[in-house]
Amino acid sequence: METFAFETNNFVESIGGKLFINPLLFYAKTKNPFVQEKRQMEIYFGYPSQEKIIVNLEIPEGYDVETLPKPAKYVFQDNSIILLMNILKDGNKIQFSFSKDINSSIFASEDYDSLKMLFQKMIISLDQKIILKKI
């Protein structure tokens, strides 16, 4: 487990009086790990694993939420992979959470296209921005 707090302006784009924030900050996943066209070997994850990221943001004074990313849940066959993204606003605080549970270590090569599509959907969901507007 890793916990830390910091203040920065580096992860914010300011355009036309609005602030655009990637809620995963420097943990952002921007590239699908499945880049091959086809796969002939099994997909090996090594071992079952769980990754959780929780980001707490404070809305700066003079701003309010215009848009929040939509929650998302993607599940692979028999719950062997579960990808979950959620976001909550409470007062001037925003909490973004992401979890990736990989419950199997080996997937058949026939599952490659489905895995590739699942992770692509996740990346698209994680690319949604929090948009704050000046009030």
N, C-alpha and C. Protein backbone atom coordinates (compact mmCIF):
# COMPACT_ATOMS: atom_id res chain seq x y z
N MET A 1 0.85 -1.16 0.00
CA MET A 1 0.00 0.00 0.00
C MET A 1 0.90 1.23 0.00
N GLU A 2 0.49 2.21 -0.76
CA GLU A 2 1.24 3.46 -0.87
C GLU A 2 0.26 4.60 -0.68
N THR A 3 0.55 5.52 0.21
CA THR A 3 -0.32 6.67 0.47
C THR A 3 0.54 7.92 0.50
N PHE A 4 0.09 8.96 -0.19
CA PHE A 4 0.80 10.23 -0.13
C PHE A 4 -0.14 11.35 -0.53
N ALA A 5 0.23 12.56 -0.14
CA ALA A 5 -0.55 13.76 -0.47
C ALA A 5 0.38 14.76 -1.14
N PHE A 6 -0.17 15.50 -2.09
CA PHE A 6 0.63 16.53 -2.74
C PHE A 6 -0.29 17.57 -3.37
N GLU A 7 0.27 18.71 -3.70
CA GLU A 7 -0.44 19.78 -4.41
C GLU A 7 0.32 20.06 -5.69
N THR A 8 -0.42 20.24 -6.77
CA THR A 8 0.22 20.52 -8.05
C THR A 8 -0.77 21.19 -9.00
N ASN A 9 -0.24 21.86 -9.98
CA ASN A 9 -1.03 22.40 -11.09
C ASN A 9 -0.66 21.70 -12.39
N ASN A 10 0.28 20.76 -12.32
CA ASN A 10 0.81 20.13 -13.53
C ASN A 10 -0.12 19.14 -14.20
N PHE A 11 -1.13 18.64 -13.51
CA PHE A 11 -2.02 17.64 -14.09
C PHE A 11 -3.35 18.25 -14.51
N VAL A 12 -3.36 19.56 -14.71
CA VAL A 12 -4.58 20.28 -15.03
C VAL A 12 -4.38 21.06 -16.33
N GLU A 13 -5.36 20.95 -17.23
CA GLU A 13 -5.37 21.79 -18.43
C GLU A 13 -6.42 22.87 -18.22
N SER A 14 -6.05 24.11 -18.41
CA SER A 14 -6.98 25.22 -18.28
C SER A 14 -7.31 25.74 -19.67
N ILE A 15 -8.59 25.61 -20.05
CA ILE A 15 -9.03 26.03 -21.38
C ILE A 15 -10.35 26.78 -21.23
N GLY A 16 -10.38 28.03 -21.62
CA GLY A 16 -11.61 28.82 -21.62
C GLY A 16 -12.29 28.91 -20.27
N GLY A 17 -11.53 29.07 -19.21
CA GLY A 17 -12.12 29.19 -17.88
C GLY A 17 -12.53 27.87 -17.25
N LYS A 18 -12.23 26.77 -17.92
CA LYS A 18 -12.54 25.44 -17.39
C LYS A 18 -11.25 24.69 -17.10
N LEU A 19 -11.31 23.84 -16.10
CA LEU A 19 -10.17 22.99 -15.76
C LEU A 19 -10.48 21.55 -16.15
N PHE A 20 -9.57 20.93 -16.88
CA PHE A 20 -9.72 19.54 -17.33
C PHE A 20 -8.69 18.71 -16.58
N ILE A 21 -9.18 17.69 -15.85
CA ILE A 21 -8.29 16.89 -15.00
C ILE A 21 -8.49 15.42 -15.32
N ASN A 22 -7.37 14.72 -15.57
CA ASN A 22 -7.44 13.27 -15.68
C ASN A 22 -7.43 12.74 -14.25
N PRO A 23 -8.51 12.06 -13.81
CA PRO A 23 -8.60 11.67 -12.41
C PRO A 23 -7.52 10.70 -11.94
N LEU A 24 -6.88 9.97 -12.85
CA LEU A 24 -5.83 9.05 -12.45
C LEU A 24 -4.46 9.72 -12.37
N LEU A 25 -4.40 11.01 -12.70
CA LEU A 25 -3.15 11.76 -12.63
C LEU A 25 -2.02 11.00 -13.31
N PHE A 26 -0.94 10.70 -12.60
CA PHE A 26 0.21 10.03 -13.22
C PHE A 26 0.04 8.52 -13.27
N TYR A 27 -1.07 8.00 -12.78
CA TYR A 27 -1.36 6.57 -12.89
C TYR A 27 -2.15 6.25 -14.17
N ALA A 28 -2.39 7.25 -14.98
CA ALA A 28 -3.23 7.08 -16.17
C ALA A 28 -2.72 5.96 -17.07
N LYS A 29 -3.65 5.15 -17.52
CA LYS A 29 -3.35 4.07 -18.47
C LYS A 29 -3.74 4.58 -19.86
N THR A 30 -2.77 4.74 -20.72
CA THR A 30 -3.05 5.33 -22.02
C THR A 30 -2.83 4.37 -23.18
N LYS A 31 -2.26 3.20 -22.89
CA LYS A 31 -1.95 2.28 -23.98
C LYS A 31 -2.44 0.87 -23.64
N ASN A 32 -3.10 0.27 -24.59
CA ASN A 32 -3.58 -1.10 -24.44
C ASN A 32 -2.38 -2.04 -24.42
N PRO A 33 -2.27 -2.91 -23.42
CA PRO A 33 -1.13 -3.84 -23.39
C PRO A 33 -1.21 -4.91 -24.48
N PHE A 34 -2.38 -5.05 -25.09
CA PHE A 34 -2.58 -6.05 -26.14
C PHE A 34 -2.52 -5.36 -27.50
N VAL A 35 -1.35 -5.38 -28.12
CA VAL A 35 -1.14 -4.62 -29.35
C VAL A 35 -1.02 -5.49 -30.59
N GLN A 36 -0.86 -6.80 -30.40
CA GLN A 36 -0.71 -7.68 -31.57
C GLN A 36 -2.03 -7.81 -32.31
N GLU A 37 -1.94 -8.08 -33.59
CA GLU A 37 -3.14 -8.32 -34.38
C GLU A 37 -3.79 -9.64 -33.98
N LYS A 38 -3.01 -10.67 -33.89
CA LYS A 38 -3.47 -12.02 -33.52
C LYS A 38 -2.52 -12.60 -32.48
N ARG A 39 -3.01 -13.60 -31.76
CA ARG A 39 -2.20 -14.24 -30.73
C ARG A 39 -2.32 -15.75 -30.90
N GLN A 40 -1.18 -16.44 -30.92
CA GLN A 40 -1.20 -17.89 -31.08
C GLN A 40 -0.88 -18.61 -29.78
N MET A 41 -0.21 -17.94 -28.85
CA MET A 41 0.13 -18.53 -27.56
C MET A 41 -0.88 -18.08 -26.51
N GLU A 42 -0.94 -18.80 -25.42
CA GLU A 42 -1.81 -18.40 -24.32
C GLU A 42 -1.35 -17.05 -23.76
N ILE A 43 -2.27 -16.37 -23.11
CA ILE A 43 -1.95 -15.10 -22.46
C ILE A 43 -1.68 -15.42 -21.00
N TYR A 44 -0.49 -15.09 -20.53
CA TYR A 44 -0.06 -15.46 -19.19
C TYR A 44 0.14 -14.22 -18.34
N PHE A 45 -0.66 -14.08 -17.30
CA PHE A 45 -0.56 -12.93 -16.40
C PHE A 45 0.36 -13.21 -15.22
N GLY A 46 0.88 -14.41 -15.12
CA GLY A 46 1.80 -14.74 -14.04
C GLY A 46 1.09 -15.32 -12.84
N TYR A 47 0.17 -14.56 -12.29
CA TYR A 47 -0.57 -14.99 -11.10
C TYR A 47 -1.78 -14.08 -10.94
N PRO A 48 -2.79 -14.52 -10.23
CA PRO A 48 -3.93 -13.63 -9.96
C PRO A 48 -3.44 -12.39 -9.21
N SER A 49 -4.04 -11.25 -9.50
CA SER A 49 -3.60 -10.02 -8.86
C SER A 49 -4.76 -9.05 -8.70
N GLN A 50 -4.54 -8.07 -7.83
CA GLN A 50 -5.53 -7.03 -7.62
C GLN A 50 -4.79 -5.70 -7.53
N GLU A 51 -5.28 -4.72 -8.26
CA GLU A 51 -4.71 -3.38 -8.23
C GLU A 51 -5.84 -2.41 -7.91
N LYS A 52 -5.63 -1.56 -6.92
CA LYS A 52 -6.62 -0.55 -6.55
C LYS A 52 -5.93 0.80 -6.48
N ILE A 53 -6.59 1.78 -7.08
CA ILE A 53 -6.09 3.15 -7.03
C ILE A 53 -7.24 4.03 -6.56
N ILE A 54 -7.00 4.80 -5.53
CA ILE A 54 -8.00 5.75 -5.04
C ILE A 54 -7.33 7.13 -5.03
N VAL A 55 -7.98 8.07 -5.72
CA VAL A 55 -7.46 9.43 -5.80
C VAL A 55 -8.51 10.37 -5.21
N ASN A 56 -8.09 11.15 -4.23
CA ASN A 56 -8.96 12.15 -3.61
C ASN A 56 -8.50 13.53 -4.09
N LEU A 57 -9.43 14.27 -4.66
CA LEU A 57 -9.13 15.60 -5.18
C LEU A 57 -9.97 16.64 -4.44
N GLU A 58 -9.39 17.81 -4.27
CA GLU A 58 -10.13 18.92 -3.68
C GLU A 58 -10.41 19.94 -4.78
N ILE A 59 -11.67 20.31 -4.90
CA ILE A 59 -12.07 21.29 -5.91
C ILE A 59 -11.58 22.66 -5.46
N PRO A 60 -10.82 23.35 -6.32
CA PRO A 60 -10.31 24.67 -5.91
C PRO A 60 -11.44 25.68 -5.70
N GLU A 61 -11.18 26.63 -4.82
CA GLU A 61 -12.16 27.67 -4.55
C GLU A 61 -12.47 28.43 -5.84
N GLY A 62 -13.74 28.75 -6.05
CA GLY A 62 -14.16 29.47 -7.25
C GLY A 62 -14.52 28.56 -8.40
N TYR A 63 -14.48 27.24 -8.20
CA TYR A 63 -14.83 26.27 -9.25
C TYR A 63 -15.88 25.30 -8.75
N ASP A 64 -16.62 24.75 -9.69
CA ASP A 64 -17.59 23.70 -9.38
C ASP A 64 -17.52 22.65 -10.49
N VAL A 65 -18.04 21.48 -10.23
CA VAL A 65 -18.00 20.39 -11.21
C VAL A 65 -18.99 20.65 -12.34
N GLU A 66 -18.51 20.57 -13.56
CA GLU A 66 -19.38 20.61 -14.73
C GLU A 66 -19.66 19.19 -15.20
N THR A 67 -18.61 18.36 -15.26
CA THR A 67 -18.75 16.99 -15.75
C THR A 67 -17.84 16.06 -14.97
N LEU A 68 -18.38 14.89 -14.63
CA LEU A 68 -17.59 13.84 -14.02
C LEU A 68 -17.58 12.63 -14.95
N PRO A 69 -16.51 11.86 -14.94
CA PRO A 69 -16.51 10.62 -15.74
C PRO A 69 -17.65 9.71 -15.30
N LYS A 70 -18.16 8.94 -16.23
CA LYS A 70 -19.22 7.99 -15.94
C LYS A 70 -18.62 6.74 -15.29
N PRO A 71 -19.24 6.23 -14.23
CA PRO A 71 -18.76 4.96 -13.66
C PRO A 71 -18.80 3.87 -14.71
N ALA A 72 -17.91 2.90 -14.59
CA ALA A 72 -17.86 1.81 -15.57
C ALA A 72 -17.47 0.51 -14.88
N LYS A 73 -18.00 -0.58 -15.41
CA LYS A 73 -17.63 -1.91 -14.93
C LYS A 73 -17.53 -2.83 -16.13
N TYR A 74 -16.40 -3.47 -16.27
CA TYR A 74 -16.17 -4.42 -17.36
C TYR A 74 -15.78 -5.76 -16.75
N VAL A 75 -16.47 -6.80 -17.16
CA VAL A 75 -16.24 -8.12 -16.59
C VAL A 75 -15.98 -9.10 -17.72
N PHE A 76 -14.89 -9.86 -17.57
CA PHE A 76 -14.57 -10.91 -18.53
C PHE A 76 -15.21 -12.21 -18.05
N GLN A 77 -15.34 -13.16 -18.94
CA GLN A 77 -16.01 -14.44 -18.68
C GLN A 77 -15.75 -14.95 -17.27
N ASP A 78 -16.80 -15.43 -16.63
CA ASP A 78 -16.71 -16.07 -15.31
C ASP A 78 -15.98 -15.21 -14.28
N ASN A 79 -16.06 -13.91 -14.41
CA ASN A 79 -15.41 -12.98 -13.47
C ASN A 79 -13.90 -13.18 -13.38
N SER A 80 -13.29 -13.70 -14.43
CA SER A 80 -11.84 -13.91 -14.40
C SER A 80 -11.07 -12.59 -14.45
N ILE A 81 -11.70 -11.55 -14.98
CA ILE A 81 -11.15 -10.19 -14.92
C ILE A 81 -12.31 -9.25 -14.62
N ILE A 82 -12.10 -8.38 -13.65
CA ILE A 82 -13.11 -7.37 -13.32
C ILE A 82 -12.41 -6.02 -13.28
N LEU A 83 -12.88 -5.09 -14.08
CA LEU A 83 -12.35 -3.72 -14.12
C LEU A 83 -13.48 -2.80 -13.66
N LEU A 84 -13.21 -1.99 -12.66
CA LEU A 84 -14.25 -1.17 -12.06
C LEU A 84 -13.73 0.24 -11.84
N MET A 85 -14.52 1.21 -12.28
CA MET A 85 -14.18 2.62 -12.12
C MET A 85 -15.38 3.33 -11.53
N ASN A 86 -15.15 4.14 -10.49
CA ASN A 86 -16.24 4.86 -9.86
C ASN A 86 -15.76 6.25 -9.45
N ILE A 87 -16.70 7.19 -9.34
CA ILE A 87 -16.34 8.55 -8.94
C ILE A 87 -17.49 9.12 -8.12
N LEU A 88 -17.12 9.79 -7.03
CA LEU A 88 -18.11 10.39 -6.13
C LEU A 88 -17.71 11.83 -5.84
N LYS A 89 -18.72 12.70 -5.71
CA LYS A 89 -18.48 14.09 -5.31
C LYS A 89 -19.19 14.31 -3.99
N ASP A 90 -18.47 14.90 -3.03
CA ASP A 90 -19.04 15.22 -1.73
C ASP A 90 -18.52 16.60 -1.34
N GLY A 91 -19.38 17.60 -1.45
CA GLY A 91 -18.96 18.97 -1.16
C GLY A 91 -17.90 19.43 -2.14
N ASN A 92 -16.75 19.85 -1.63
CA ASN A 92 -15.66 20.29 -2.51
C ASN A 92 -14.62 19.19 -2.72
N LYS A 93 -15.00 17.95 -2.48
CA LYS A 93 -14.10 16.80 -2.64
C LYS A 93 -14.63 15.87 -3.72
N ILE A 94 -13.69 15.28 -4.44
CA ILE A 94 -14.00 14.26 -5.45
C ILE A 94 -13.14 13.05 -5.13
N GLN A 95 -13.77 11.89 -5.10
CA GLN A 95 -13.01 10.65 -4.91
C GLN A 95 -13.19 9.78 -6.14
N PHE A 96 -12.07 9.43 -6.76
CA PHE A 96 -12.05 8.58 -7.94
C PHE A 96 -11.41 7.25 -7.53
N SER A 97 -12.05 6.15 -7.89
CA SER A 97 -11.46 4.84 -7.58
C SER A 97 -11.46 3.96 -8.82
N PHE A 98 -10.40 3.18 -8.92
CA PHE A 98 -10.24 2.23 -10.02
C PHE A 98 -9.69 0.94 -9.44
N SER A 99 -10.28 -0.18 -9.85
CA SER A 99 -9.74 -1.47 -9.43
C SER A 99 -9.68 -2.42 -10.62
N LYS A 100 -8.63 -3.21 -10.60
CA LYS A 100 -8.43 -4.22 -11.64
C LYS A 100 -8.14 -5.53 -10.93
N ASP A 101 -9.07 -6.47 -11.04
CA ASP A 101 -8.90 -7.80 -10.44
C ASP A 101 -8.69 -8.81 -11.55
N ILE A 102 -7.56 -9.46 -11.53
CA ILE A 102 -7.27 -10.54 -12.48
C ILE A 102 -7.25 -11.82 -11.65
N ASN A 103 -8.29 -12.63 -11.83
CA ASN A 103 -8.51 -13.79 -10.97
C ASN A 103 -8.01 -15.10 -11.57
N SER A 104 -7.48 -15.05 -12.78
CA SER A 104 -6.89 -16.22 -13.42
C SER A 104 -5.52 -15.83 -13.94
N SER A 105 -4.64 -16.77 -14.04
CA SER A 105 -3.30 -16.43 -14.50
C SER A 105 -3.08 -16.74 -15.98
N ILE A 106 -3.88 -17.64 -16.55
CA ILE A 106 -3.69 -18.03 -17.95
C ILE A 106 -5.02 -17.94 -18.70
N PHE A 107 -4.96 -17.33 -19.89
CA PHE A 107 -6.13 -17.22 -20.76
C PHE A 107 -5.78 -17.83 -22.11
N ALA A 108 -6.73 -18.48 -22.72
CA ALA A 108 -6.52 -19.13 -24.01
C ALA A 108 -6.26 -18.10 -25.10
N SER A 109 -5.51 -18.50 -26.11
CA SER A 109 -5.22 -17.59 -27.23
C SER A 109 -6.50 -17.16 -27.92
N GLU A 110 -7.54 -18.01 -27.88
CA GLU A 110 -8.83 -17.66 -28.50
C GLU A 110 -9.50 -16.48 -27.78
N ASP A 111 -9.08 -16.20 -26.55
CA ASP A 111 -9.63 -15.09 -25.79
C ASP A 111 -8.94 -13.76 -26.07
N TYR A 112 -7.90 -13.79 -26.90
CA TYR A 112 -7.07 -12.60 -27.10
C TYR A 112 -7.89 -11.40 -27.57
N ASP A 113 -8.72 -11.58 -28.61
CA ASP A 113 -9.48 -10.45 -29.14
C ASP A 113 -10.43 -9.87 -28.08
N SER A 114 -11.05 -10.74 -27.30
CA SER A 114 -11.96 -10.28 -26.25
C SER A 114 -11.20 -9.53 -25.16
N LEU A 115 -10.03 -10.04 -24.78
CA LEU A 115 -9.21 -9.35 -23.78
C LEU A 115 -8.76 -7.98 -24.30
N LYS A 116 -8.35 -7.96 -25.55
CA LYS A 116 -7.90 -6.71 -26.17
C LYS A 116 -9.04 -5.68 -26.15
N MET A 117 -10.26 -6.11 -26.49
CA MET A 117 -11.41 -5.21 -26.51
C MET A 117 -11.76 -4.75 -25.09
N LEU A 118 -11.71 -5.66 -24.13
CA LEU A 118 -12.00 -5.32 -22.74
C LEU A 118 -11.06 -4.23 -22.22
N PHE A 119 -9.75 -4.41 -22.46
CA PHE A 119 -8.78 -3.43 -22.00
C PHE A 119 -8.90 -2.11 -22.77
N GLN A 120 -9.30 -2.17 -24.03
CA GLN A 120 -9.49 -0.93 -24.80
C GLN A 120 -10.67 -0.14 -24.24
N LYS A 121 -11.75 -0.83 -23.89
CA LYS A 121 -12.89 -0.15 -23.27
C LYS A 121 -12.48 0.51 -21.96
N MET A 122 -11.66 -0.19 -21.17
CA MET A 122 -11.19 0.36 -19.91
C MET A 122 -10.38 1.63 -20.15
N ILE A 123 -9.48 1.60 -21.11
CA ILE A 123 -8.63 2.76 -21.39
C ILE A 123 -9.48 3.95 -21.83
N ILE A 124 -10.49 3.70 -22.64
CA ILE A 124 -11.39 4.78 -23.08
C ILE A 124 -12.12 5.36 -21.87
N SER A 125 -12.61 4.51 -20.98
CA SER A 125 -13.30 4.99 -19.77
C SER A 125 -12.36 5.79 -18.89
N LEU A 126 -11.14 5.31 -18.73
CA LEU A 126 -10.17 5.99 -17.86
C LEU A 126 -9.67 7.30 -18.46
N ASP A 127 -9.92 7.52 -19.74
CA ASP A 127 -9.47 8.75 -20.39
C ASP A 127 -10.48 9.89 -20.22
N GLN A 128 -11.64 9.61 -19.63
CA GLN A 128 -12.62 10.67 -19.40
C GLN A 128 -12.06 11.67 -18.40
N LYS A 129 -12.37 12.92 -18.62
CA LYS A 129 -11.83 13.99 -17.77
C LYS A 129 -12.88 14.49 -16.77
N ILE A 130 -12.38 14.95 -15.65
CA ILE A 130 -13.20 15.75 -14.74
C ILE A 130 -13.12 17.17 -15.28
N ILE A 131 -14.27 17.81 -15.47
CA ILE A 131 -14.27 19.19 -15.96
C ILE A 131 -14.86 20.09 -14.87
N LEU A 132 -14.06 21.08 -14.47
CA LEU A 132 -14.50 22.05 -13.48
C LEU A 132 -14.72 23.38 -14.18
N LYS A 133 -15.81 24.07 -13.81
CA LYS A 133 -16.11 25.37 -14.41
C LYS A 133 -15.98 26.45 -13.35
N LYS A 134 -15.58 27.61 -13.79
CA LYS A 134 -15.44 28.77 -12.90
C LYS A 134 -16.83 29.25 -12.52
N ILE A 135 -17.02 29.56 -11.24
CA ILE A 135 -18.34 30.04 -10.80
C ILE A 135 -18.25 31.50 -10.32
